[in-house]
């Protein structure tokens, strides 16, 4: 399994680079930079905080939903949070 790990890392980076290229190939980067500079920092911080709270609450909700089917007495919140974040990534 250890021999495959560098290959998987390389494949992951190649896939990420390819997808990033597809995403940015038609973007007007100068305009993106201009709009980013014009953005309201308080609103961006508010949106970031709301998203963080949303992710934390979703992980808690998964714990409430999965707990009755779990063999463990109590599910670790860190495990629930990791699973939630992986779900967003996929």
C-alpha atoms as a PDB file:
ATOM      1  CA  UNK A   1       0.000   0.000   0.000  1.00  0.00           C
ATOM      2  CA  UNK A   2       2.885   2.394   0.731  1.00  0.00           C
ATOM      3  CA  UNK A   3       4.207   2.086  -2.834  1.00  0.00           C
ATOM      4  CA  UNK A   4       0.894   3.327  -4.249  1.00  0.00           C
ATOM      5  CA  UNK A   5       0.730   6.407  -2.041  1.00  0.00           C
ATOM      6  CA  UNK A   6       3.078   8.648  -4.114  1.00  0.00           C
ATOM      7  CA  UNK A   7       1.188   7.641  -7.254  1.00  0.00           C
ATOM      8  CA  UNK A   8      -2.142   8.548  -5.655  1.00  0.00           C
ATOM      9  CA  UNK A   9      -0.777  11.902  -4.480  1.00  0.00           C
ATOM     10  CA  UNK A  10       0.501  12.639  -7.974  1.00  0.00           C
ATOM     11  CA  UNK A  11      -2.808  11.607  -9.504  1.00  0.00           C
ATOM     12  CA  UNK A  12      -4.690  13.831  -7.035  1.00  0.00           C
ATOM     13  CA  UNK A  13      -2.519  16.855  -7.822  1.00  0.00           C
ATOM     14  CA  UNK A  14      -2.805  16.261 -11.578  1.00  0.00           C
ATOM     15  CA  UNK A  15      -6.575  15.989 -11.322  1.00  0.00           C
ATOM     16  CA  UNK A  16      -6.770  19.133  -9.182  1.00  0.00           C
ATOM     17  CA  UNK A  17      -4.564  21.054 -11.634  1.00  0.00           C
ATOM     18  CA  UNK A  18      -6.645  19.906 -14.592  1.00  0.00           C
ATOM     19  CA  UNK A  19      -9.908  20.884 -12.930  1.00  0.00           C
ATOM     20  CA  UNK A  20      -8.469  24.234 -11.860  1.00  0.00           C
ATOM     21  CA  UNK A  21      -7.398  24.867 -15.463  1.00  0.00           C
ATOM     22  CA  UNK A  22     -10.891  24.033 -16.745  1.00  0.00           C
ATOM     23  CA  UNK A  23     -12.420  26.328 -14.149  1.00  0.00           C
ATOM     24  CA  UNK A  24     -10.111  29.289 -14.832  1.00  0.00           C
ATOM     25  CA  UNK A  25      -9.475  29.017 -18.582  1.00  0.00           C
ATOM     26  CA  UNK A  26     -12.214  31.451 -19.595  1.00  0.00           C
ATOM     27  CA  UNK A  27     -12.085  33.655 -16.521  1.00  0.00           C
ATOM     28  CA  UNK A  28     -11.017  37.275 -16.840  1.00  0.00           C
ATOM     29  CA  UNK A  29      -8.467  37.203 -14.031  1.00  0.00           C
ATOM     30  CA  UNK A  30      -7.907  40.964 -14.027  1.00  0.00           C
ATOM     31  CA  UNK A  31     -11.627  41.488 -13.449  1.00  0.00           C
ATOM     32  CA  UNK A  32     -11.700  38.812 -10.761  1.00  0.00           C
ATOM     33  CA  UNK A  33      -8.852  40.552  -8.921  1.00  0.00           C
ATOM     34  CA  UNK A  34     -10.585  43.924  -9.304  1.00  0.00           C
ATOM     35  CA  UNK A  35     -13.891  42.601  -7.940  1.00  0.00           C
ATOM     36  CA  UNK A  36     -12.108  40.856  -5.059  1.00  0.00           C
ATOM     37  CA  UNK A  37     -10.495  44.147  -4.075  1.00  0.00           C
ATOM     38  CA  UNK A  38     -13.874  45.871  -4.164  1.00  0.00           C
ATOM     39  CA  UNK A  39     -15.550  43.263  -1.936  1.00  0.00           C
ATOM     40  CA  UNK A  40     -16.788  44.278   1.491  1.00  0.00           C
ATOM     41  CA  UNK A  41     -14.581  42.675   4.141  1.00  0.00           C
ATOM     42  CA  UNK A  42     -17.281  42.708   6.869  1.00  0.00           C
ATOM     43  CA  UNK A  43     -19.735  40.907   4.568  1.00  0.00           C
ATOM     44  CA  UNK A  44     -17.084  38.366   3.580  1.00  0.00           C
ATOM     45  CA  UNK A  45     -16.304  37.686   7.233  1.00  0.00           C
ATOM     46  CA  UNK A  46     -20.012  37.379   7.999  1.00  0.00           C
ATOM     47  CA  UNK A  47     -20.466  34.907   5.125  1.00  0.00           C
ATOM     48  CA  UNK A  48     -17.422  32.913   6.259  1.00  0.00           C
ATOM     49  CA  UNK A  49     -18.767  32.750   9.810  1.00  0.00           C
ATOM     50  CA  UNK A  50     -22.204  31.665   8.588  1.00  0.00           C
ATOM     51  CA  UNK A  51     -20.662  28.915   6.459  1.00  0.00           C
ATOM     52  CA  UNK A  52     -18.512  27.710   9.351  1.00  0.00           C
ATOM     53  CA  UNK A  53     -21.540  27.602  11.638  1.00  0.00           C
ATOM     54  CA  UNK A  54     -23.475  25.723   8.946  1.00  0.00           C
ATOM     55  CA  UNK A  55     -20.791  23.039   8.654  1.00  0.00           C
ATOM     56  CA  UNK A  56     -20.539  22.632  12.427  1.00  0.00           C
ATOM     57  CA  UNK A  57     -24.314  22.307  12.779  1.00  0.00           C
ATOM     58  CA  UNK A  58     -24.506  19.804   9.921  1.00  0.00           C
ATOM     59  CA  UNK A  59     -21.894  17.620  11.607  1.00  0.00           C
ATOM     60  CA  UNK A  60     -23.884  17.761  14.845  1.00  0.00           C
ATOM     61  CA  UNK A  61     -27.064  16.879  12.952  1.00  0.00           C
ATOM     62  CA  UNK A  62     -25.363  13.834  11.415  1.00  0.00           C
ATOM     63  CA  UNK A  63     -24.427  12.730  14.908  1.00  0.00           C
ATOM     64  CA  UNK A  64     -28.047  12.960  16.028  1.00  0.00           C
ATOM     65  CA  UNK A  65     -29.211  11.008  12.977  1.00  0.00           C
ATOM     66  CA  UNK A  66     -26.540   8.290  13.073  1.00  0.00           C
ATOM     67  CA  UNK A  67     -26.298   7.769  16.837  1.00  0.00           C
ATOM     68  CA  UNK A  68     -29.229   5.322  17.136  1.00  0.00           C
ATOM     69  CA  UNK A  69     -27.630   3.032  14.524  1.00  0.00           C
ATOM     70  CA  UNK A  70     -24.137   3.280  16.001  1.00  0.00           C
ATOM     71  CA  UNK A  71     -22.548   0.476  17.994  1.00  0.00           C
ATOM     72  CA  UNK A  72     -20.475   2.976  19.919  1.00  0.00           C
ATOM     73  CA  UNK A  73     -21.927   4.605  22.986  1.00  0.00           C
ATOM     74  CA  UNK A  74     -21.118   8.079  21.714  1.00  0.00           C
ATOM     75  CA  UNK A  75     -19.774   9.193  18.337  1.00  0.00           C
ATOM     76  CA  UNK A  76     -16.812  11.547  18.382  1.00  0.00           C
ATOM     77  CA  UNK A  77     -17.645  14.981  17.023  1.00  0.00           C
ATOM     78  CA  UNK A  78     -14.279  15.193  15.253  1.00  0.00           C
ATOM     79  CA  UNK A  79     -15.137  12.058  13.268  1.00  0.00           C
ATOM     80  CA  UNK A  80     -18.520  13.489  12.337  1.00  0.00           C
ATOM     81  CA  UNK A  81     -16.941  16.779  11.303  1.00  0.00           C
ATOM     82  CA  UNK A  82     -14.324  15.028   9.163  1.00  0.00           C
ATOM     83  CA  UNK A  83     -16.986  12.949   7.444  1.00  0.00           C
ATOM     84  CA  UNK A  84     -19.090  16.048   6.798  1.00  0.00           C
ATOM     85  CA  UNK A  85     -16.133  17.920   5.294  1.00  0.00           C
ATOM     86  CA  UNK A  86     -15.254  14.961   3.078  1.00  0.00           C
ATOM     87  CA  UNK A  87     -18.857  14.892   1.933  1.00  0.00           C
ATOM     88  CA  UNK A  88     -18.606  18.540   0.894  1.00  0.00           C
ATOM     89  CA  UNK A  89     -15.361  17.814  -0.942  1.00  0.00           C
ATOM     90  CA  UNK A  90     -16.842  15.028  -3.004  1.00  0.00           C
END
